N, C-alpha and C. Protein backbone atom coordinates (compact mmCIF):
# COMPACT_ATOMS: atom_id res chain seq x y z
N MET A 1 -1.29 -2.31 6.16
CA MET A 1 -1.83 -2.40 4.85
C MET A 1 -2.62 -1.80 4.18
N VAL A 2 -2.49 -1.74 2.83
CA VAL A 2 -3.38 -0.69 1.99
C VAL A 2 -4.89 -1.65 1.78
N LYS A 3 -5.75 -0.91 1.92
CA LYS A 3 -7.13 -1.49 1.65
C LYS A 3 -7.63 -0.53 0.34
N ILE A 4 -8.28 -1.60 -0.39
CA ILE A 4 -8.63 -1.00 -1.81
C ILE A 4 -10.24 -1.34 -1.98
N PHE A 5 -11.10 -0.56 -2.46
CA PHE A 5 -12.32 -1.14 -2.64
C PHE A 5 -12.53 -1.32 -4.10
N VAL A 6 -13.21 -2.54 -4.34
CA VAL A 6 -13.48 -2.69 -5.97
C VAL A 6 -14.94 -2.36 -6.04
N ILE A 7 -15.37 -1.49 -6.84
CA ILE A 7 -16.53 -1.50 -6.37
C ILE A 7 -17.38 -1.19 -8.17
N THR A 8 -18.25 -1.88 -8.38
CA THR A 8 -18.80 -2.36 -9.79
C THR A 8 -20.05 -2.18 -9.84
N TYR A 9 -20.38 -1.83 -11.35
CA TYR A 9 -22.21 -2.01 -11.77
C TYR A 9 -21.99 -2.72 -12.57
N SER A 10 -22.60 -3.98 -12.71
CA SER A 10 -22.92 -5.32 -13.79
C SER A 10 -24.04 -5.65 -13.89
N MET A 11 -24.87 -5.37 -14.92
CA MET A 11 -26.05 -5.76 -15.13
C MET A 11 -26.44 -7.09 -15.56
N TYR A 12 -25.30 -7.68 -16.55
CA TYR A 12 -25.33 -9.03 -17.08
C TYR A 12 -23.98 -9.74 -16.39
N GLY A 13 -23.14 -9.10 -15.73
CA GLY A 13 -21.96 -10.00 -14.94
C GLY A 13 -20.95 -10.28 -15.49
N HIS A 14 -20.78 -9.32 -16.59
CA HIS A 14 -19.48 -9.24 -17.41
C HIS A 14 -18.33 -8.24 -16.71
N ILE A 15 -18.86 -7.11 -16.43
CA ILE A 15 -18.05 -6.36 -15.49
C ILE A 15 -17.50 -6.59 -14.03
N ASN A 16 -18.46 -7.72 -13.31
CA ASN A 16 -18.03 -8.40 -12.13
C ASN A 16 -16.96 -9.72 -12.59
N LYS A 17 -17.14 -9.98 -13.60
CA LYS A 17 -15.96 -11.00 -13.85
C LYS A 17 -14.71 -10.78 -14.02
N VAL A 18 -14.51 -9.33 -14.85
CA VAL A 18 -13.29 -8.72 -15.00
C VAL A 18 -12.75 -8.47 -13.51
N ALA A 19 -13.74 -7.70 -12.52
CA ALA A 19 -13.20 -7.45 -11.64
C ALA A 19 -12.97 -8.33 -10.80
N GLU A 20 -13.22 -9.59 -10.95
CA GLU A 20 -12.93 -10.64 -10.03
C GLU A 20 -11.40 -10.95 -10.37
N SER A 21 -10.66 -10.85 -11.36
CA SER A 21 -9.56 -10.87 -11.79
C SER A 21 -8.59 -9.85 -11.24
N VAL A 22 -9.30 -8.52 -11.11
CA VAL A 22 -8.73 -7.51 -10.59
C VAL A 22 -8.28 -7.60 -9.21
N VAL A 23 -9.44 -8.16 -8.20
CA VAL A 23 -9.18 -8.69 -6.95
C VAL A 23 -8.50 -9.82 -6.68
N LYS A 24 -8.36 -10.69 -7.29
CA LYS A 24 -7.26 -11.58 -7.41
C LYS A 24 -5.78 -11.11 -7.49
N GLY A 25 -5.70 -10.21 -8.35
CA GLY A 25 -4.26 -9.91 -8.51
C GLY A 25 -3.95 -8.79 -7.18
N LEU A 26 -5.19 -8.04 -6.72
CA LEU A 26 -4.82 -7.27 -5.82
C LEU A 26 -4.28 -7.88 -4.42
N LYS A 27 -5.02 -8.95 -4.31
CA LYS A 27 -4.90 -10.22 -2.93
C LYS A 27 -3.32 -10.56 -3.08
N LYS A 28 -3.30 -10.83 -4.44
CA LYS A 28 -1.65 -11.62 -4.39
C LYS A 28 -0.84 -10.47 -4.43
N ALA A 29 -0.86 -9.25 -4.44
CA ALA A 29 0.19 -8.31 -3.91
C ALA A 29 0.02 -7.77 -2.57
N GLY A 30 -0.80 -8.60 -1.88
CA GLY A 30 -0.63 -8.20 -0.21
C GLY A 30 -1.64 -7.23 -0.03
N VAL A 31 -2.69 -6.62 -0.96
CA VAL A 31 -3.67 -5.58 -0.49
C VAL A 31 -4.94 -6.17 0.01
N GLU A 32 -5.31 -5.72 0.89
CA GLU A 32 -6.77 -5.84 1.48
C GLU A 32 -7.88 -5.21 0.58
N VAL A 33 -8.80 -6.31 0.07
CA VAL A 33 -9.72 -5.75 -0.69
C VAL A 33 -11.23 -5.78 -0.24
N GLY A 34 -11.91 -4.69 -0.56
CA GLY A 34 -13.43 -4.66 -0.07
C GLY A 34 -14.12 -4.63 -1.32
N ARG A 35 -15.12 -5.53 -1.53
CA ARG A 35 -15.90 -5.78 -2.71
C ARG A 35 -17.25 -5.43 -2.64
N TYR A 36 -17.58 -4.30 -3.50
CA TYR A 36 -18.79 -3.59 -3.54
C TYR A 36 -19.52 -3.44 -4.72
N GLN A 37 -20.76 -3.45 -4.91
CA GLN A 37 -21.60 -2.90 -5.76
C GLN A 37 -22.25 -1.56 -5.99
N ILE A 38 -22.62 -0.91 -7.12
CA ILE A 38 -23.59 -0.11 -6.77
C ILE A 38 -25.01 -0.29 -7.19
N ALA A 39 -25.86 0.37 -6.24
CA ALA A 39 -27.22 -0.01 -6.09
C ALA A 39 -27.79 0.04 -7.57
N GLU A 40 -28.90 -0.59 -7.75
CA GLU A 40 -29.48 -0.95 -9.08
C GLU A 40 -30.87 -0.03 -8.87
N THR A 41 -30.99 0.87 -9.89
CA THR A 41 -32.17 1.81 -10.18
C THR A 41 -33.27 1.24 -10.83
N LEU A 42 -33.00 0.44 -11.51
CA LEU A 42 -33.99 -0.25 -12.48
C LEU A 42 -35.05 -1.11 -11.77
N SER A 43 -36.24 -1.10 -12.03
CA SER A 43 -37.23 -2.06 -11.29
C SER A 43 -36.68 -3.34 -11.64
N ASP A 44 -37.39 -4.29 -11.04
CA ASP A 44 -37.36 -5.79 -11.18
C ASP A 44 -38.25 -6.15 -12.49
N GLU A 45 -39.05 -5.36 -12.73
CA GLU A 45 -39.94 -5.58 -13.97
C GLU A 45 -38.96 -5.22 -15.39
N ILE A 46 -38.53 -4.24 -15.04
CA ILE A 46 -37.60 -3.72 -16.49
C ILE A 46 -36.49 -4.65 -16.37
N LEU A 47 -35.84 -5.02 -15.21
CA LEU A 47 -34.94 -5.85 -15.52
C LEU A 47 -35.30 -7.41 -16.32
N ALA A 48 -36.23 -7.80 -15.75
CA ALA A 48 -36.84 -8.97 -16.29
C ALA A 48 -36.99 -9.05 -17.75
N LYS A 49 -37.68 -7.68 -18.20
CA LYS A 49 -37.58 -7.29 -19.59
C LYS A 49 -36.43 -7.36 -20.38
N MET A 50 -35.25 -7.03 -19.57
CA MET A 50 -34.11 -6.93 -20.56
C MET A 50 -33.06 -8.19 -20.02
N HIS A 51 -34.11 -9.44 -19.58
CA HIS A 51 -33.40 -10.78 -19.33
C HIS A 51 -32.12 -10.50 -18.39
N ALA A 52 -32.17 -9.71 -17.86
CA ALA A 52 -31.02 -9.55 -16.66
C ALA A 52 -30.95 -10.76 -15.68
N PRO A 53 -29.97 -11.51 -15.32
CA PRO A 53 -29.76 -12.33 -14.30
C PRO A 53 -29.83 -11.67 -13.16
N PRO A 54 -30.09 -12.39 -11.72
CA PRO A 54 -29.95 -11.90 -10.54
C PRO A 54 -28.76 -11.22 -10.19
N LYS A 55 -28.89 -10.00 -9.45
CA LYS A 55 -27.24 -9.37 -8.83
C LYS A 55 -26.75 -10.41 -8.25
N ALA A 56 -25.20 -10.06 -8.42
CA ALA A 56 -24.07 -10.72 -7.49
C ALA A 56 -24.21 -10.51 -5.91
N ASP A 57 -23.87 -11.09 -5.28
CA ASP A 57 -23.93 -11.28 -4.08
C ASP A 57 -23.03 -10.26 -2.87
N PHE A 58 -22.66 -9.13 -3.69
CA PHE A 58 -21.97 -8.18 -2.95
C PHE A 58 -22.79 -7.08 -2.38
N PRO A 59 -22.01 -6.47 -1.26
CA PRO A 59 -22.85 -5.51 -0.39
C PRO A 59 -22.80 -4.11 -1.45
N ILE A 60 -23.92 -3.53 -0.94
CA ILE A 60 -23.92 -2.03 -1.64
C ILE A 60 -23.38 -1.05 -1.00
N ILE A 61 -22.41 -0.27 -1.88
CA ILE A 61 -21.74 0.55 -1.38
C ILE A 61 -22.51 1.92 -0.92
N ALA A 62 -22.14 2.45 0.21
CA ALA A 62 -22.56 3.69 0.57
C ALA A 62 -21.67 4.76 0.75
N ALA A 63 -21.97 6.14 0.70
CA ALA A 63 -21.12 7.02 0.65
C ALA A 63 -20.48 7.08 2.04
N LYS A 64 -21.09 6.77 3.22
CA LYS A 64 -20.49 6.63 4.35
C LYS A 64 -19.24 5.59 4.64
N ASP A 65 -18.78 4.63 3.83
CA ASP A 65 -18.18 3.61 3.65
C ASP A 65 -16.91 4.08 2.93
N LEU A 66 -16.83 4.91 1.99
CA LEU A 66 -16.00 5.31 1.44
C LEU A 66 -14.51 5.99 1.93
N PRO A 67 -14.83 6.38 3.24
CA PRO A 67 -13.46 6.92 3.92
C PRO A 67 -12.77 5.95 4.43
N GLU A 68 -13.39 4.43 4.46
CA GLU A 68 -12.49 3.41 4.96
C GLU A 68 -11.37 2.85 4.34
N ALA A 69 -11.52 3.45 2.99
CA ALA A 69 -10.60 2.82 1.81
C ALA A 69 -9.41 3.74 1.63
N ASP A 70 -8.07 3.19 1.28
CA ASP A 70 -7.26 4.14 0.98
C ASP A 70 -7.31 4.34 -0.68
N GLY A 71 -8.07 3.65 -1.50
CA GLY A 71 -8.11 4.01 -2.69
C GLY A 71 -9.13 2.94 -3.38
N PHE A 72 -9.81 3.14 -4.74
CA PHE A 72 -10.85 2.80 -5.26
C PHE A 72 -10.65 2.08 -6.80
N ILE A 73 -11.08 1.27 -7.07
CA ILE A 73 -11.17 0.58 -8.57
C ILE A 73 -12.51 0.60 -8.84
N PHE A 74 -13.18 1.55 -9.82
CA PHE A 74 -14.40 1.42 -10.31
C PHE A 74 -14.51 0.48 -11.45
N GLY A 75 -15.69 -0.06 -11.52
CA GLY A 75 -16.04 -1.12 -13.00
C GLY A 75 -17.25 -0.70 -13.24
N PHE A 76 -17.28 -0.29 -14.75
CA PHE A 76 -18.95 -0.26 -14.96
C PHE A 76 -18.84 0.13 -16.65
N PRO A 77 -19.78 -0.58 -17.23
CA PRO A 77 -19.94 -0.48 -18.72
C PRO A 77 -19.99 0.90 -19.02
N THR A 78 -19.68 0.97 -20.43
CA THR A 78 -20.11 2.20 -20.91
C THR A 78 -20.71 2.08 -22.37
N ARG A 79 -21.65 3.22 -22.60
CA ARG A 79 -22.18 3.21 -24.17
C ARG A 79 -21.88 4.56 -24.43
N TYR A 80 -21.08 4.28 -25.75
CA TYR A 80 -20.81 5.43 -26.49
C TYR A 80 -20.17 6.40 -25.52
N GLY A 81 -19.20 5.93 -24.52
CA GLY A 81 -18.49 6.48 -23.94
C GLY A 81 -18.89 7.18 -22.56
N GLY A 82 -20.16 7.00 -22.56
CA GLY A 82 -20.88 7.22 -21.14
C GLY A 82 -21.29 6.64 -19.92
N ALA A 83 -21.27 6.61 -18.84
CA ALA A 83 -21.51 6.09 -17.80
C ALA A 83 -22.99 5.26 -17.64
N PRO A 84 -23.21 4.19 -16.90
CA PRO A 84 -24.96 4.08 -17.06
C PRO A 84 -25.27 5.05 -16.02
N ALA A 85 -26.48 5.44 -15.88
CA ALA A 85 -27.25 6.05 -15.02
C ALA A 85 -27.18 5.57 -13.53
N GLN A 86 -27.03 4.41 -13.35
CA GLN A 86 -27.20 3.74 -11.93
C GLN A 86 -25.64 4.44 -11.26
């Protein structure tokens, strides 16, 4: 069975919402899915000032985990075409 990791960074939850649709479609197609998130680099103080909700309960991806998958789907927001620093 093919194993795909869906890896996201979502400060406000919008990207995670889209990713859940992707996960649902992958599972429907018979794909084994691993769901991960990218570690947050902003402090809790800064996140509070930005009114960011708590992070989703997905494990943080580590470089050592990447060889376990056959492929990856990344989801992250952009601003003026650039990815976030996280």
